[in-house]
Amino acid sequence: MEKETKSRRWKQNPEAVKSDILRVARSEFARKGLSGTRIEDIAAGTKTSKRMIFYYFGDKESLYEAVLEDCYAEVRAGEAELDLEGLDPVQALRRLIEFTFEHHRRNPDFIRLVMIENIHEARHMDRMERLHDQNLRAIGVVEKICGAGLEAGLFREDVSPVALHWQISAFSFFNVANRATFASNFGAELFDHDGQTLLRSCAVRSILCSVLARPELIDLP
């Protein structure tokens, strides 16, 4: 009876139910893609039913879009927790690069989902207005860092916040997206703890050198 009561209370918590669905759906979509994923399989891995999944999310494509939004919201929330406002621009940029590298490394499902959405030519993301607005905040963070760096005379005048965001994403994304093929061709040494520490330092050093007006004056990793 006590177990049934707890189950009933859980089902009466819609946010917990939706969170459980999104957790399992993220893994399924990342492994099987949009077309290969079955709602039945998602339901089997959750504490709810196929009917409730449709009740909360409407259809499979809407659930897939909700998963994308949830994944990006997680990244943006992590960036917000970095508390970059009080740091000098070089330290702020360094911390942002390290965070992005580590987040992507620890969340391969996120990388797979982005790859899948690229296969779909960003068709779903293009119509997700809230996600678009949410991701613009990422550029806002870089713009603030660039502005502070320019004001302090530390950054080059031609630094583009969008291009800088692209650089950070490129280093962090390739590390996960191409891990299997790179390791197959050249060995897996770069993907153990020491190798990943080296690559993270390389990413920080390369990106900082590309934006600093006088990189020789900065203590780089």
C-alpha atoms as a PDB file:
ATOM      1  CA  MET A   1       0.000   0.000   0.000  1.00  0.00           C
ATOM      2  CA  GLU A   2       2.825   2.424   0.912  1.00  0.00           C
ATOM      3  CA  LYS A   3       4.539   1.703  -2.422  1.00  0.00           C
ATOM      4  CA  GLU A   4       1.310   2.410  -4.316  1.00  0.00           C
ATOM      5  CA  THR A   5       0.857   5.687  -2.424  1.00  0.00           C
ATOM      6  CA  LYS A   6       4.388   6.844  -3.335  1.00  0.00           C
ATOM      7  CA  SER A   7       3.790   5.888  -6.983  1.00  0.00           C
ATOM      8  CA  ARG A   8       0.527   7.830  -7.010  1.00  0.00           C
ATOM      9  CA  ARG A   9       2.209  10.908  -5.521  1.00  0.00           C
ATOM     10  CA  TRP A  10       4.990  10.709  -8.109  1.00  0.00           C
ATOM     11  CA  LYS A  11       2.484  10.542 -10.962  1.00  0.00           C
ATOM     12  CA  GLN A  12       0.771  13.613  -9.545  1.00  0.00           C
ATOM     13  CA  ASN A  13       4.042  15.559  -9.983  1.00  0.00           C
ATOM     14  CA  PRO A  14       3.976  16.491 -13.688  1.00  0.00           C
ATOM     15  CA  GLU A  15       7.450  18.085 -13.634  1.00  0.00           C
ATOM     16  CA  ALA A  16       8.991  14.899 -12.256  1.00  0.00           C
ATOM     17  CA  VAL A  17       7.159  12.817 -14.864  1.00  0.00           C
ATOM     18  CA  LYS A  18       8.285  15.072 -17.714  1.00  0.00           C
ATOM     19  CA  SER A  19      11.853  15.125 -16.428  1.00  0.00           C
ATOM     20  CA  ASP A  20      11.880  11.316 -16.335  1.00  0.00           C
ATOM     21  CA  ILE A  21      10.551  11.142 -19.898  1.00  0.00           C
ATOM     22  CA  LEU A  22      13.125  13.661 -21.165  1.00  0.00           C
ATOM     23  CA  ARG A  23      15.965  11.765 -19.477  1.00  0.00           C
ATOM     24  CA  VAL A  24      15.119   8.485 -21.199  1.00  0.00           C
ATOM     25  CA  ALA A  25      14.169  10.151 -24.489  1.00  0.00           C
ATOM     26  CA  ARG A  26      17.538  11.919 -24.639  1.00  0.00           C
ATOM     27  CA  SER A  27      19.360   8.606 -24.501  1.00  0.00           C
ATOM     28  CA  GLU A  28      17.052   6.931 -27.034  1.00  0.00           C
ATOM     29  CA  PHE A  29      17.199   9.767 -29.571  1.00  0.00           C
ATOM     30  CA  ALA A  30      20.975  10.047 -29.185  1.00  0.00           C
ATOM     31  CA  ARG A  31      21.444   6.319 -29.856  1.00  0.00           C
ATOM     32  CA  LYS A  32      18.820   5.754 -32.551  1.00  0.00           C
ATOM     33  CA  GLY A  33      18.059   9.127 -34.079  1.00  0.00           C
ATOM     34  CA  LEU A  34      14.628  10.607 -34.635  1.00  0.00           C
ATOM     35  CA  SER A  35      13.422   8.044 -37.160  1.00  0.00           C
ATOM     36  CA  GLY A  36      14.802   5.023 -35.303  1.00  0.00           C
ATOM     37  CA  THR A  37      13.403   5.888 -31.887  1.00  0.00           C
ATOM     38  CA  ARG A  38      10.115   4.333 -30.766  1.00  0.00           C
ATOM     39  CA  ILE A  39       7.876   5.878 -28.151  1.00  0.00           C
ATOM     40  CA  GLU A  40       7.268   2.365 -26.815  1.00  0.00           C
ATOM     41  CA  ASP A  41      10.967   2.047 -25.986  1.00  0.00           C
ATOM     42  CA  ILE A  42      10.985   5.403 -24.204  1.00  0.00           C
ATOM     43  CA  ALA A  43       7.914   4.437 -22.186  1.00  0.00           C
ATOM     44  CA  ALA A  44       9.540   1.135 -21.226  1.00  0.00           C
ATOM     45  CA  GLY A  45      12.471   2.991 -19.677  1.00  0.00           C
ATOM     46  CA  THR A  46      10.369   5.457 -17.695  1.00  0.00           C
ATOM     47  CA  LYS A  47       7.931   5.281 -14.796  1.00  0.00           C
ATOM     48  CA  THR A  48       5.068   6.310 -17.040  1.00  0.00           C
ATOM     49  CA  SER A  49       3.126   5.113 -20.083  1.00  0.00           C
ATOM     50  CA  LYS A  50       3.080   5.775 -23.812  1.00  0.00           C
ATOM     51  CA  ARG A  51      -0.261   7.506 -23.365  1.00  0.00           C
ATOM     52  CA  MET A  52       1.192   9.911 -20.802  1.00  0.00           C
ATOM     53  CA  ILE A  53       4.148  10.692 -23.064  1.00  0.00           C
ATOM     54  CA  PHE A  54       1.735  11.759 -25.785  1.00  0.00           C
ATOM     55  CA  TYR A  55      -0.293  13.673 -23.191  1.00  0.00           C
ATOM     56  CA  TYR A  56       2.699  15.734 -22.104  1.00  0.00           C
ATOM     57  CA  PHE A  57       4.542  16.121 -25.417  1.00  0.00           C
ATOM     58  CA  GLY A  58       2.003  15.591 -28.192  1.00  0.00           C
ATOM     59  CA  ASP A  59       3.978  13.463 -30.654  1.00  0.00           C
ATOM     60  CA  LYS A  60       7.459  12.070 -31.255  1.00  0.00           C
ATOM     61  CA  GLU A  61       8.783  15.120 -33.088  1.00  0.00           C
ATOM     62  CA  SER A  62       7.579  17.430 -30.341  1.00  0.00           C
ATOM     63  CA  LEU A  63       9.283  15.215 -27.750  1.00  0.00           C
ATOM     64  CA  TYR A  64      12.493  15.287 -29.804  1.00  0.00           C
ATOM     65  CA  GLU A  65      12.328  19.089 -29.898  1.00  0.00           C
ATOM     66  CA  ALA A  66      11.724  19.185 -26.148  1.00  0.00           C
ATOM     67  CA  VAL A  67      14.834  17.047 -25.668  1.00  0.00           C
ATOM     68  CA  LEU A  68      16.896  19.438 -27.806  1.00  0.00           C
ATOM     69  CA  GLU A  69      15.629  22.405 -25.835  1.00  0.00           C
ATOM     70  CA  ASP A  70      16.373  20.660 -22.543  1.00  0.00           C
ATOM     71  CA  CYS A  71      19.929  19.830 -23.661  1.00  0.00           C
ATOM     72  CA  TYR A  72      20.724  23.383 -24.681  1.00  0.00           C
ATOM     73  CA  ALA A  73      19.075  24.771 -21.537  1.00  0.00           C
ATOM     74  CA  GLU A  74      21.485  22.628 -19.530  1.00  0.00           C
ATOM     75  CA  VAL A  75      24.476  24.180 -21.310  1.00  0.00           C
ATOM     76  CA  ARG A  76      23.172  27.714 -20.872  1.00  0.00           C
ATOM     77  CA  ALA A  77      22.451  27.066 -17.170  1.00  0.00           C
ATOM     78  CA  GLY A  78      26.000  25.814 -16.700  1.00  0.00           C
ATOM     79  CA  GLU A  79      27.381  28.947 -18.344  1.00  0.00           C
ATOM     80  CA  ALA A  80      25.250  31.128 -16.065  1.00  0.00           C
ATOM     81  CA  GLU A  81      26.691  29.373 -13.002  1.00  0.00           C
ATOM     82  CA  LEU A  82      30.254  30.272 -14.021  1.00  0.00           C
ATOM     83  CA  ASP A  83      29.772  33.785 -12.575  1.00  0.00           C
ATOM     84  CA  LEU A  84      32.069  35.407 -15.138  1.00  0.00           C
ATOM     85  CA  GLU A  85      31.075  38.988 -14.316  1.00  0.00           C
ATOM     86  CA  GLY A  86      33.712  39.468 -11.621  1.00  0.00           C
ATOM     87  CA  LEU A  87      36.606  38.035 -13.616  1.00  0.00           C
ATOM     88  CA  ASP A  88      39.050  39.841 -15.873  1.00  0.00           C
ATOM     89  CA  PRO A  89      38.310  39.093 -19.570  1.00  0.00           C
ATOM     90  CA  VAL A  90      41.186  36.662 -20.062  1.00  0.00           C
ATOM     91  CA  GLN A  91      40.213  34.598 -17.022  1.00  0.00           C
ATOM     92  CA  ALA A  92      36.538  34.770 -18.021  1.00  0.00           C
ATOM     93  CA  LEU A  93      37.284  33.483 -21.515  1.00  0.00           C
ATOM     94  CA  ARG A  94      39.577  30.779 -20.150  1.00  0.00           C
ATOM     95  CA  ARG A  95      36.858  29.574 -17.780  1.00  0.00           C
ATOM     96  CA  LEU A  96      34.237  29.580 -20.538  1.00  0.00           C
ATOM     97  CA  ILE A  97      36.459  27.504 -22.840  1.00  0.00           C
ATOM     98  CA  GLU A  98      37.263  25.010 -20.092  1.00  0.00           C
ATOM     99  CA  PHE A  99      33.600  24.707 -19.113  1.00  0.00           C
ATOM    100  CA  THR A 100      32.479  24.083 -22.711  1.00  0.00           C
ATOM    101  CA  PHE A 101      35.223  21.524 -23.312  1.00  0.00           C
ATOM    102  CA  GLU A 102      34.378  19.639 -20.111  1.00  0.00           C
ATOM    103  CA  HIS A 103      30.606  19.844 -20.576  1.00  0.00           C
ATOM    104  CA  HIS A 104      30.774  18.383 -24.084  1.00  0.00           C
ATOM    105  CA  ARG A 105      33.272  15.716 -23.007  1.00  0.00           C
ATOM    106  CA  ARG A 106      30.982  14.571 -20.207  1.00  0.00           C
ATOM    107  CA  ASN A 107      27.774  14.724 -22.292  1.00  0.00           C
ATOM    108  CA  PRO A 108      28.300  12.694 -25.463  1.00  0.00           C
ATOM    109  CA  ASP A 109      24.525  12.317 -25.902  1.00  0.00           C
ATOM    110  CA  PHE A 110      24.309  16.084 -26.374  1.00  0.00           C
ATOM    111  CA  ILE A 111      26.913  15.922 -29.147  1.00  0.00           C
ATOM    112  CA  ARG A 112      25.103  13.044 -30.852  1.00  0.00           C
ATOM    113  CA  LEU A 113      21.813  14.939 -30.741  1.00  0.00           C
ATOM    114  CA  VAL A 114      23.426  17.994 -32.323  1.00  0.00           C
ATOM    115  CA  MET A 115      24.886  15.751 -35.036  1.00  0.00           C
ATOM    116  CA  ILE A 116      21.463  14.232 -35.637  1.00  0.00           C
ATOM    117  CA  GLU A 117      19.866  17.665 -35.909  1.00  0.00           C
ATOM    118  CA  ASN A 118      22.547  18.638 -38.414  1.00  0.00           C
ATOM    119  CA  ILE A 119      21.541  15.612 -40.497  1.00  0.00           C
ATOM    120  CA  HIS A 120      18.039  17.093 -40.442  1.00  0.00           C
ATOM    121  CA  GLU A 121      19.509  20.449 -41.628  1.00  0.00           C
ATOM    122  CA  ALA A 122      18.382  22.070 -38.335  1.00  0.00           C
ATOM    123  CA  ARG A 123      14.771  21.782 -39.531  1.00  0.00           C
ATOM    124  CA  HIS A 124      13.451  21.395 -35.994  1.00  0.00           C
ATOM    125  CA  MET A 125      15.677  24.026 -34.407  1.00  0.00           C
ATOM    126  CA  ASP A 126      14.727  26.577 -37.061  1.00  0.00           C
ATOM    127  CA  ARG A 127      11.145  26.572 -35.852  1.00  0.00           C
ATOM    128  CA  MET A 128      11.947  26.526 -32.134  1.00  0.00           C
ATOM    129  CA  GLU A 129      11.799  30.223 -31.288  1.00  0.00           C
ATOM    130  CA  ARG A 130      12.404  29.799 -27.574  1.00  0.00           C
ATOM    131  CA  LEU A 131      15.525  27.717 -28.237  1.00  0.00           C
ATOM    132  CA  HIS A 132      16.800  30.352 -30.659  1.00  0.00           C
ATOM    133  CA  ASP A 133      16.360  33.094 -28.049  1.00  0.00           C
ATOM    134  CA  GLN A 134      17.945  30.886 -25.400  1.00  0.00           C
ATOM    135  CA  ASN A 135      21.036  30.211 -27.506  1.00  0.00           C
ATOM    136  CA  LEU A 136      21.466  33.885 -28.375  1.00  0.00           C
ATOM    137  CA  ARG A 137      22.347  34.332 -24.715  1.00  0.00           C
ATOM    138  CA  ALA A 138      25.511  32.332 -25.381  1.00  0.00           C
ATOM    139  CA  ILE A 139      26.651  35.001 -27.831  1.00  0.00           C
ATOM    140  CA  GLY A 140      25.706  37.643 -25.265  1.00  0.00           C
ATOM    141  CA  VAL A 141      28.122  36.082 -22.779  1.00  0.00           C
ATOM    142  CA  VAL A 142      30.959  36.148 -25.335  1.00  0.00           C
ATOM    143  CA  GLU A 143      30.081  39.703 -26.379  1.00  0.00           C
ATOM    144  CA  LYS A 144      30.495  40.894 -22.778  1.00  0.00           C
ATOM    145  CA  ILE A 145      33.883  39.184 -22.505  1.00  0.00           C
ATOM    146  CA  CYS A 146      35.021  40.670 -25.827  1.00  0.00           C
ATOM    147  CA  GLY A 147      33.809  44.122 -24.836  1.00  0.00           C
ATOM    148  CA  ALA A 148      35.720  43.986 -21.568  1.00  0.00           C
ATOM    149  CA  GLY A 149      38.802  42.680 -23.357  1.00  0.00           C
ATOM    150  CA  LEU A 150      38.722  45.493 -25.896  1.00  0.00           C
ATOM    151  CA  GLU A 151      38.157  48.126 -23.219  1.00  0.00           C
ATOM    152  CA  ALA A 152      41.160  46.821 -21.287  1.00  0.00           C
ATOM    153  CA  GLY A 153      43.310  46.817 -24.423  1.00  0.00           C
ATOM    154  CA  LEU A 154      43.845  43.064 -24.109  1.00  0.00           C
ATOM    155  CA  PHE A 155      41.910  41.781 -27.137  1.00  0.00           C
ATOM    156  CA  ARG A 156      42.380  42.426 -30.830  1.00  0.00           C
ATOM    157  CA  GLU A 157      39.980  44.965 -32.296  1.00  0.00           C
ATOM    158  CA  ASP A 158      38.787  42.567 -35.005  1.00  0.00           C
ATOM    159  CA  VAL A 159      37.599  39.844 -32.599  1.00  0.00           C
ATOM    160  CA  SER A 160      34.129  38.571 -33.552  1.00  0.00           C
ATOM    161  CA  PRO A 161      32.015  37.160 -30.690  1.00  0.00           C
ATOM    162  CA  VAL A 162      30.200  34.804 -33.076  1.00  0.00           C
ATOM    163  CA  ALA A 163      33.459  33.545 -34.583  1.00  0.00           C
ATOM    164  CA  LEU A 164      34.893  33.145 -31.082  1.00  0.00           C
ATOM    165  CA  HIS A 165      31.870  31.102 -30.008  1.00  0.00           C
ATOM    166  CA  TRP A 166      32.373  28.977 -33.154  1.00  0.00           C
ATOM    167  CA  GLN A 167      36.009  28.347 -32.205  1.00  0.00           C
ATOM    168  CA  ILE A 168      35.113  27.247 -28.693  1.00  0.00           C
ATOM    169  CA  SER A 169      32.382  24.959 -30.025  1.00  0.00           C
ATOM    170  CA  ALA A 170      34.654  23.528 -32.732  1.00  0.00           C
ATOM    171  CA  PHE A 171      37.403  22.442 -30.327  1.00  0.00           C
ATOM    172  CA  SER A 172      34.918  21.018 -27.830  1.00  0.00           C
ATOM    173  CA  PHE A 173      32.661  19.334 -30.383  1.00  0.00           C
ATOM    174  CA  PHE A 174      35.346  17.620 -32.480  1.00  0.00           C
ATOM    175  CA  ASN A 175      36.829  16.095 -29.335  1.00  0.00           C
ATOM    176  CA  VAL A 176      33.655  14.049 -28.844  1.00  0.00           C
ATOM    177  CA  ALA A 177      32.115  13.763 -32.310  1.00  0.00           C
ATOM    178  CA  ASN A 178      35.263  12.324 -33.925  1.00  0.00           C
ATOM    179  CA  ARG A 179      36.623  10.394 -30.988  1.00  0.00           C
ATOM    180  CA  ALA A 180      35.921   6.913 -32.359  1.00  0.00           C
ATOM    181  CA  THR A 181      37.380   7.496 -35.825  1.00  0.00           C
ATOM    182  CA  PHE A 182      40.358   9.492 -34.524  1.00  0.00           C
ATOM    183  CA  ALA A 183      41.186   6.794 -31.969  1.00  0.00           C
ATOM    184  CA  SER A 184      40.817   4.094 -34.626  1.00  0.00           C
ATOM    185  CA  ASN A 185      43.263   5.883 -36.914  1.00  0.00           C
ATOM    186  CA  PHE A 186      45.789   7.256 -34.450  1.00  0.00           C
ATOM    187  CA  GLY A 187      45.274   5.515 -31.108  1.00  0.00           C
ATOM    188  CA  ALA A 188      43.282   6.440 -27.997  1.00  0.00           C
ATOM    189  CA  GLU A 189      46.029   8.179 -26.002  1.00  0.00           C
ATOM    190  CA  LEU A 190      44.386  11.600 -26.324  1.00  0.00           C
ATOM    191  CA  PHE A 191      41.182  10.312 -24.760  1.00  0.00           C
ATOM    192  CA  ASP A 192      42.457   9.196 -21.367  1.00  0.00           C
ATOM    193  CA  HIS A 193      42.643  11.645 -18.446  1.00  0.00           C
ATOM    194  CA  ASP A 194      46.079  13.044 -19.296  1.00  0.00           C
ATOM    195  CA  GLY A 195      45.245  13.298 -22.994  1.00  0.00           C
ATOM    196  CA  GLN A 196      42.042  15.197 -22.324  1.00  0.00           C
ATOM    197  CA  THR A 197      43.841  17.567 -19.956  1.00  0.00           C
ATOM    198  CA  LEU A 198      46.378  18.226 -22.716  1.00  0.00           C
ATOM    199  CA  LEU A 199      43.682  18.856 -25.334  1.00  0.00           C
ATOM    200  CA  ARG A 200      41.776  21.199 -23.023  1.00  0.00           C
ATOM    201  CA  SER A 201      44.967  23.206 -22.457  1.00  0.00           C
ATOM    202  CA  CYS A 202      45.609  23.262 -26.205  1.00  0.00           C
ATOM    203  CA  ALA A 203      42.088  24.574 -26.816  1.00  0.00           C
ATOM    204  CA  VAL A 204      42.498  27.320 -24.202  1.00  0.00           C
ATOM    205  CA  ARG A 205      45.937  28.338 -25.475  1.00  0.00           C
ATOM    206  CA  SER A 206      44.942  28.336 -29.158  1.00  0.00           C
ATOM    207  CA  ILE A 207      41.777  30.363 -28.658  1.00  0.00           C
ATOM    208  CA  LEU A 208      43.369  32.880 -26.303  1.00  0.00           C
ATOM    209  CA  CYS A 209      46.273  33.407 -28.705  1.00  0.00           C
ATOM    210  CA  SER A 210      43.793  34.091 -31.515  1.00  0.00           C
ATOM    211  CA  VAL A 211      42.063  36.930 -29.626  1.00  0.00           C
ATOM    212  CA  LEU A 212      44.800  38.523 -27.518  1.00  0.00           C
ATOM    213  CA  ALA A 213      46.437  41.664 -28.855  1.00  0.00           C
ATOM    214  CA  ARG A 214      49.760  40.662 -27.256  1.00  0.00           C
ATOM    215  CA  PRO A 215      49.606  36.984 -26.237  1.00  0.00           C
ATOM    216  CA  GLU A 216      53.296  37.025 -25.229  1.00  0.00           C
ATOM    217  CA  LEU A 217      52.361  39.154 -22.216  1.00  0.00           C
ATOM    218  CA  ILE A 218      49.812  36.667 -20.846  1.00  0.00           C
ATOM    219  CA  ASP A 219      50.649  33.558 -18.816  1.00  0.00           C
ATOM    220  CA  LEU A 220      49.056  30.886 -21.026  1.00  0.00           C
ATOM    221  CA  PRO A 221      48.424  27.267 -19.925  1.00  0.00           C
END
